[in-house]
Amino acid sequence: MRAFVRLREMVSAHGELAAKLAELERQMASHDRHIRSLFDAIRELMEPPEKPMPRIGFKPRGDE
């Protein structure tokens, strides 16, 4: 009888542990997505600017 009670306690404890582990995995996946988007934003800021747009309007002679 005691063996079955102990077995039930162990299964219960492992179930709680499995639930906590699943929660941690879900949180890590969320953090990974946020970190990845942060790195993408940093890489985008590190890229050289695109070719500047030509000036519109009056262009004095000799500045060509």
PDB file of N, CA and C in Angstrom:
ATOM      1  N   MET A   1       0.822  -1.193   0.000  1.00  0.00           N
ATOM      2  CA  MET A   1       0.000   0.000   0.000  1.00  0.00           C
ATOM      3  C   MET A   1       0.867   1.258   0.000  1.00  0.00           C
ATOM      4  N   ARG A   2       1.922   1.260   0.854  1.00  0.00           N
ATOM      5  CA  ARG A   2       2.793   2.428   0.912  1.00  0.00           C
ATOM      6  C   ARG A   2       3.503   2.670  -0.420  1.00  0.00           C
ATOM      7  N   ALA A   3       3.816   1.617  -1.127  1.00  0.00           N
ATOM      8  CA  ALA A   3       4.492   1.748  -2.418  1.00  0.00           C
ATOM      9  C   ALA A   3       3.608   2.483  -3.415  1.00  0.00           C
ATOM     10  N   PHE A   4       2.328   2.182  -3.416  1.00  0.00           N
ATOM     11  CA  PHE A   4       1.412   2.856  -4.341  1.00  0.00           C
ATOM     12  C   PHE A   4       1.236   4.335  -3.971  1.00  0.00           C
ATOM     13  N   VAL A   5       1.188   4.609  -2.675  1.00  0.00           N
ATOM     14  CA  VAL A   5       1.083   6.006  -2.230  1.00  0.00           C
ATOM     15  C   VAL A   5       2.328   6.774  -2.652  1.00  0.00           C
ATOM     16  N   ARG A   6       3.497   6.168  -2.446  1.00  0.00           N
ATOM     17  CA  ARG A   6       4.764   6.807  -2.834  1.00  0.00           C
ATOM     18  C   ARG A   6       4.830   6.998  -4.348  1.00  0.00           C
ATOM     19  N   LEU A   7       4.380   6.009  -5.076  1.00  0.00           N
ATOM     20  CA  LEU A   7       4.364   6.096  -6.542  1.00  0.00           C
ATOM     21  C   LEU A   7       3.458   7.236  -6.990  1.00  0.00           C
ATOM     22  N   ARG A   8       2.291   7.366  -6.376  1.00  0.00           N
ATOM     23  CA  ARG A   8       1.364   8.448  -6.718  1.00  0.00           C
ATOM     24  C   ARG A   8       1.990   9.807  -6.395  1.00  0.00           C
ATOM     25  N   GLU A   9       2.709   9.916  -5.272  1.00  0.00           N
ATOM     26  CA  GLU A   9       3.376  11.164  -4.911  1.00  0.00           C
ATOM     27  C   GLU A   9       4.463  11.524  -5.925  1.00  0.00           C
ATOM     28  N   MET A  10       5.218  10.520  -6.360  1.00  0.00           N
ATOM     29  CA  MET A  10       6.279  10.756  -7.331  1.00  0.00           C
ATOM     30  C   MET A  10       5.705  11.223  -8.671  1.00  0.00           C
ATOM     31  N   VAL A  11       4.627  10.589  -9.107  1.00  0.00           N
ATOM     32  CA  VAL A  11       3.985  10.982 -10.371  1.00  0.00           C
ATOM     33  C   VAL A  11       3.461  12.403 -10.263  1.00  0.00           C
ATOM     34  N   SER A  12       2.895  12.752  -9.125  1.00  0.00           N
ATOM     35  CA  SER A  12       2.393  14.102  -8.902  1.00  0.00           C
ATOM     36  C   SER A  12       3.533  15.110  -8.944  1.00  0.00           C
ATOM     37  N   ALA A  13       4.625  14.795  -8.276  1.00  0.00           N
ATOM     38  CA  ALA A  13       5.777  15.695  -8.247  1.00  0.00           C
ATOM     39  C   ALA A  13       6.360  15.866  -9.643  1.00  0.00           C
ATOM     40  N   HIS A  14       6.443  14.789 -10.398  1.00  0.00           N
ATOM     41  CA  HIS A  14       6.986  14.872 -11.750  1.00  0.00           C
ATOM     42  C   HIS A  14       6.054  15.660 -12.666  1.00  0.00           C
ATOM     43  N   GLY A  15       4.766  15.548 -12.419  1.00  0.00           N
ATOM     44  CA  GLY A  15       3.811  16.327 -13.213  1.00  0.00           C
ATOM     45  C   GLY A  15       3.984  17.809 -12.981  1.00  0.00           C
ATOM     46  N   GLU A  16       4.183  18.200 -11.729  1.00  0.00           N
ATOM     47  CA  GLU A  16       4.418  19.608 -11.418  1.00  0.00           C
ATOM     48  C   GLU A  16       5.727  20.084 -12.043  1.00  0.00           C
ATOM     49  N   LEU A  17       6.749  19.241 -11.952  1.00  0.00           N
ATOM     50  CA  LEU A  17       8.042  19.578 -12.540  1.00  0.00           C
ATOM     51  C   LEU A  17       7.932  19.727 -14.058  1.00  0.00           C
ATOM     52  N   ALA A  18       7.203  18.839 -14.689  1.00  0.00           N
ATOM     53  CA  ALA A  18       7.010  18.912 -16.140  1.00  0.00           C
ATOM     54  C   ALA A  18       6.265  20.187 -16.520  1.00  0.00           C
ATOM     55  N   ALA A  19       5.272  20.569 -15.728  1.00  0.00           N
ATOM     56  CA  ALA A  19       4.522  21.800 -16.010  1.00  0.00           C
ATOM     57  C   ALA A  19       5.422  23.024 -15.869  1.00  0.00           C
ATOM     58  N   LYS A  20       6.256  23.038 -14.838  1.00  0.00           N
ATOM     59  CA  LYS A  20       7.177  24.168 -14.655  1.00  0.00           C
ATOM     60  C   LYS A  20       8.194  24.228 -15.778  1.00  0.00           C
ATOM     61  N   LEU A  21       8.680  23.074 -16.206  1.00  0.00           N
ATOM     62  CA  LEU A  21       9.637  23.021 -17.304  1.00  0.00           C
ATOM     63  C   LEU A  21       9.002  23.527 -18.600  1.00  0.00           C
ATOM     64  N   ALA A  22       7.775  23.152 -18.849  1.00  0.00           N
ATOM     65  CA  ALA A  22       7.069  23.627 -20.044  1.00  0.00           C
ATOM     66  C   ALA A  22       6.891  25.139 -19.990  1.00  0.00           C
ATOM     67  N   GLU A  23       6.586  25.672 -18.819  1.00  0.00           N
ATOM     68  CA  GLU A  23       6.445  27.125 -18.649  1.00  0.00           C
ATOM     69  C   GLU A  23       7.761  27.839 -18.935  1.00  0.00           C
ATOM     70  N   LEU A  24       8.862  27.293 -18.432  1.00  0.00           N
ATOM     71  CA  LEU A  24      10.175  27.889 -18.692  1.00  0.00           C
ATOM     72  C   LEU A  24      10.519  27.851 -20.180  1.00  0.00           C
ATOM     73  N   GLU A  25      10.204  26.750 -20.845  1.00  0.00           N
ATOM     74  CA  GLU A  25      10.472  26.648 -22.283  1.00  0.00           C
ATOM     75  C   GLU A  25       9.671  27.685 -23.057  1.00  0.00           C
ATOM     76  N   ARG A  26       8.428  27.902 -22.648  1.00  0.00           N
ATOM     77  CA  ARG A  26       7.590  28.896 -23.327  1.00  0.00           C
ATOM     78  C   ARG A  26       8.154  30.301 -23.127  1.00  0.00           C
ATOM     79  N   GLN A  27       8.619  30.588 -21.913  1.00  0.00           N
ATOM     80  CA  GLN A  27       9.197  31.900 -21.639  1.00  0.00           C
ATOM     81  C   GLN A  27      10.479  32.104 -22.440  1.00  0.00           C
ATOM     82  N   MET A  28      11.299  31.077 -22.536  1.00  0.00           N
ATOM     83  CA  MET A  28      12.551  31.183 -23.286  1.00  0.00           C
ATOM     84  C   MET A  28      12.270  31.443 -24.759  1.00  0.00           C
ATOM     85  N   ALA A  29      11.252  30.815 -25.310  1.00  0.00           N
ATOM     86  CA  ALA A  29      10.901  31.036 -26.713  1.00  0.00           C
ATOM     87  C   ALA A  29      10.489  32.487 -26.919  1.00  0.00           C
ATOM     88  N   SER A  30       9.749  33.030 -25.973  1.00  0.00           N
ATOM     89  CA  SER A  30       9.335  34.426 -26.061  1.00  0.00           C
ATOM     90  C   SER A  30      10.547  35.354 -25.999  1.00  0.00           C
ATOM     91  N   HIS A  31      11.473  35.059 -25.094  1.00  0.00           N
ATOM     92  CA  HIS A  31      12.677  35.879 -24.966  1.00  0.00           C
ATOM     93  C   HIS A  31      13.523  35.780 -26.228  1.00  0.00           C
ATOM     94  N   ASP A  32      13.614  34.592 -26.798  1.00  0.00           N
ATOM     95  CA  ASP A  32      14.394  34.411 -28.024  1.00  0.00           C
ATOM     96  C   ASP A  32      13.851  35.285 -29.147  1.00  0.00           C
ATOM     97  N   ARG A  33      12.522  35.338 -29.281  1.00  0.00           N
ATOM     98  CA  ARG A  33      11.921  36.177 -30.323  1.00  0.00           C
ATOM     99  C   ARG A  33      12.251  37.646 -30.096  1.00  0.00           C
ATOM    100  N   HIS A  34      12.181  38.098 -28.853  1.00  0.00           N
ATOM    101  CA  HIS A  34      12.477  39.502 -28.557  1.00  0.00           C
ATOM    102  C   HIS A  34      13.952  39.833 -28.805  1.00  0.00           C
ATOM    103  N   ILE A  35      14.823  38.933 -28.413  1.00  0.00           N
ATOM    104  CA  ILE A  35      16.253  39.164 -28.634  1.00  0.00           C
ATOM    105  C   ILE A  35      16.562  39.173 -30.123  1.00  0.00           C
ATOM    106  N   ARG A  36      15.949  38.265 -30.872  1.00  0.00           N
ATOM    107  CA  ARG A  36      16.177  38.216 -32.319  1.00  0.00           C
ATOM    108  C   ARG A  36      15.715  39.508 -32.984  1.00  0.00           C
ATOM    109  N   SER A  37      14.553  40.036 -32.584  1.00  0.00           N
ATOM    110  CA  SER A  37      14.072  41.286 -33.179  1.00  0.00           C
ATOM    111  C   SER A  37      14.979  42.454 -32.796  1.00  0.00           C
ATOM    112  N   LEU A  38      15.551  42.419 -31.589  1.00  0.00           N
ATOM    113  CA  LEU A  38      16.484  43.459 -31.169  1.00  0.00           C
ATOM    114  C   LEU A  38      17.744  43.432 -32.035  1.00  0.00           C
ATOM    115  N   PHE A  39      18.293  42.233 -32.275  1.00  0.00           N
ATOM    116  CA  PHE A  39      19.466  42.121 -33.133  1.00  0.00           C
ATOM    117  C   PHE A  39      19.152  42.558 -34.569  1.00  0.00           C
ATOM    118  N   ASP A  40      17.977  42.239 -35.062  1.00  0.00           N
ATOM    119  CA  ASP A  40      17.596  42.674 -36.406  1.00  0.00           C
ATOM    120  C   ASP A  40      17.558  44.188 -36.495  1.00  0.00           C
ATOM    121  N   ALA A  41      17.019  44.841 -35.474  1.00  0.00           N
ATOM    122  CA  ALA A  41      16.957  46.303 -35.459  1.00  0.00           C
ATOM    123  C   ALA A  41      18.356  46.904 -35.414  1.00  0.00           C
ATOM    124  N   ILE A  42      19.253  46.308 -34.628  1.00  0.00           N
ATOM    125  CA  ILE A  42      20.630  46.812 -34.550  1.00  0.00           C
ATOM    126  C   ILE A  42      21.333  46.654 -35.881  1.00  0.00           C
ATOM    127  N   ARG A  43      21.150  45.498 -36.528  1.00  0.00           N
ATOM    128  CA  ARG A  43      21.772  45.292 -37.848  1.00  0.00           C
ATOM    129  C   ARG A  43      21.249  46.302 -38.861  1.00  0.00           C
ATOM    130  N   GLU A  44      19.960  46.589 -38.807  1.00  0.00           N
ATOM    131  CA  GLU A  44      19.372  47.558 -39.726  1.00  0.00           C
ATOM    132  C   GLU A  44      19.975  48.943 -39.511  1.00  0.00           C
ATOM    133  N   LEU A  45      20.203  49.311 -38.256  1.00  0.00           N
ATOM    134  CA  LEU A  45      20.802  50.615 -37.958  1.00  0.00           C
ATOM    135  C   LEU A  45      22.271  50.671 -38.368  1.00  0.00           C
ATOM    136  N   MET A  46      22.946  49.528 -38.412  1.00  0.00           N
ATOM    137  CA  MET A  46      24.356  49.493 -38.776  1.00  0.00           C
ATOM    138  C   MET A  46      24.582  49.573 -40.284  1.00  0.00           C
ATOM    139  N   GLU A  47      23.560  49.323 -41.071  1.00  0.00           N
ATOM    140  CA  GLU A  47      23.709  49.364 -42.525  1.00  0.00           C
ATOM    141  C   GLU A  47      23.971  50.801 -42.970  1.00  0.00           C
ATOM    142  N   PRO A  48      24.831  50.969 -43.996  1.00  0.00           N
ATOM    143  CA  PRO A  48      25.088  52.325 -44.477  1.00  0.00           C
ATOM    144  C   PRO A  48      23.817  52.917 -45.088  1.00  0.00           C
ATOM    145  N   PRO A  49      23.668  54.229 -45.002  1.00  0.00           N
ATOM    146  CA  PRO A  49      22.459  54.848 -45.568  1.00  0.00           C
ATOM    147  C   PRO A  49      22.415  54.666 -47.081  1.00  0.00           C
ATOM    148  N   GLU A  50      21.219  54.673 -47.590  1.00  0.00           N
ATOM    149  CA  GLU A  50      21.046  54.541 -49.036  1.00  0.00           C
ATOM    150  C   GLU A  50      21.589  55.793 -49.727  1.00  0.00           C
ATOM    151  N   LYS A  51      21.732  55.714 -51.026  1.00  0.00           N
ATOM    152  CA  LYS A  51      22.236  56.830 -51.813  1.00  0.00           C
ATOM    153  C   LYS A  51      21.374  58.064 -51.536  1.00  0.00           C
ATOM    154  N   PRO A  52      22.018  59.182 -51.212  1.00  0.00           N
ATOM    155  CA  PRO A  52      21.217  60.386 -50.904  1.00  0.00           C
ATOM    156  C   PRO A  52      20.397  60.828 -52.115  1.00  0.00           C
ATOM    157  N   MET A  53      19.243  61.366 -51.824  1.00  0.00           N
ATOM    158  CA  MET A  53      18.360  61.835 -52.894  1.00  0.00           C
ATOM    159  C   MET A  53      18.928  63.114 -53.497  1.00  0.00           C
ATOM    160  N   PRO A  54      18.756  63.297 -54.802  1.00  0.00           N
ATOM    161  CA  PRO A  54      19.259  64.521 -55.434  1.00  0.00           C
ATOM    162  C   PRO A  54      18.489  65.743 -54.929  1.00  0.00           C
ATOM    163  N   ARG A  55      19.193  66.856 -54.864  1.00  0.00           N
ATOM    164  CA  ARG A  55      18.569  68.105 -54.436  1.00  0.00           C
ATOM    165  C   ARG A  55      17.586  68.589 -55.482  1.00  0.00           C
ATOM    166  N   ILE A  56      16.482  69.050 -55.030  1.00  0.00           N
ATOM    167  CA  ILE A  56      15.453  69.584 -55.925  1.00  0.00           C
ATOM    168  C   ILE A  56      15.491  71.106 -55.809  1.00  0.00           C
ATOM    169  N   GLY A  57      15.394  71.773 -56.954  1.00  0.00           N
ATOM    170  CA  GLY A  57      15.324  73.229 -56.901  1.00  0.00           C
ATOM    171  C   GLY A  57      16.484  73.865 -57.650  1.00  0.00           C
ATOM    172  N   PHE A  58      16.765  75.106 -57.310  1.00  0.00           N
ATOM    173  CA  PHE A  58      17.776  75.901 -57.986  1.00  0.00           C
ATOM    174  C   PHE A  58      19.169  75.363 -57.708  1.00  0.00           C
ATOM    175  N   LYS A  59      19.955  75.222 -58.779  1.00  0.00           N
ATOM    176  CA  LYS A  59      21.325  74.794 -58.645  1.00  0.00           C
ATOM    177  C   LYS A  59      22.198  75.886 -59.264  1.00  0.00           C
ATOM    178  N   PRO A  60      22.987  76.549 -58.442  1.00  0.00           N
ATOM    179  CA  PRO A  60      23.847  77.609 -58.990  1.00  0.00           C
ATOM    180  C   PRO A  60      24.907  77.012 -59.913  1.00  0.00           C
ATOM    181  N   ARG A  61      25.354  77.812 -60.872  1.00  0.00           N
ATOM    182  CA  ARG A  61      26.374  77.341 -61.801  1.00  0.00           C
ATOM    183  C   ARG A  61      27.681  77.046 -61.061  1.00  0.00           C
ATOM    184  N   GLY A  62      28.364  76.012 -61.533  1.00  0.00           N
ATOM    185  CA  GLY A  62      29.641  75.662 -60.942  1.00  0.00           C
ATOM    186  C   GLY A  62      29.517  74.650 -59.825  1.00  0.00           C
ATOM    187  N   ASP A  63      28.323  74.330 -59.348  1.00  0.00           N
ATOM    188  CA  ASP A  63      28.141  73.344 -58.279  1.00  0.00           C
ATOM    189  C   ASP A  63      27.751  71.983 -58.831  1.00  0.00           C
ATOM    190  N   GLU A  64      27.998  71.750 -60.088  1.00  0.00           N
ATOM    191  CA  GLU A  64      27.556  70.502 -60.682  1.00  0.00           C
ATOM    192  C   GLU A  64      28.462  69.392 -60.417  1.00  0.00           C
TER     193      GLU A  64
END
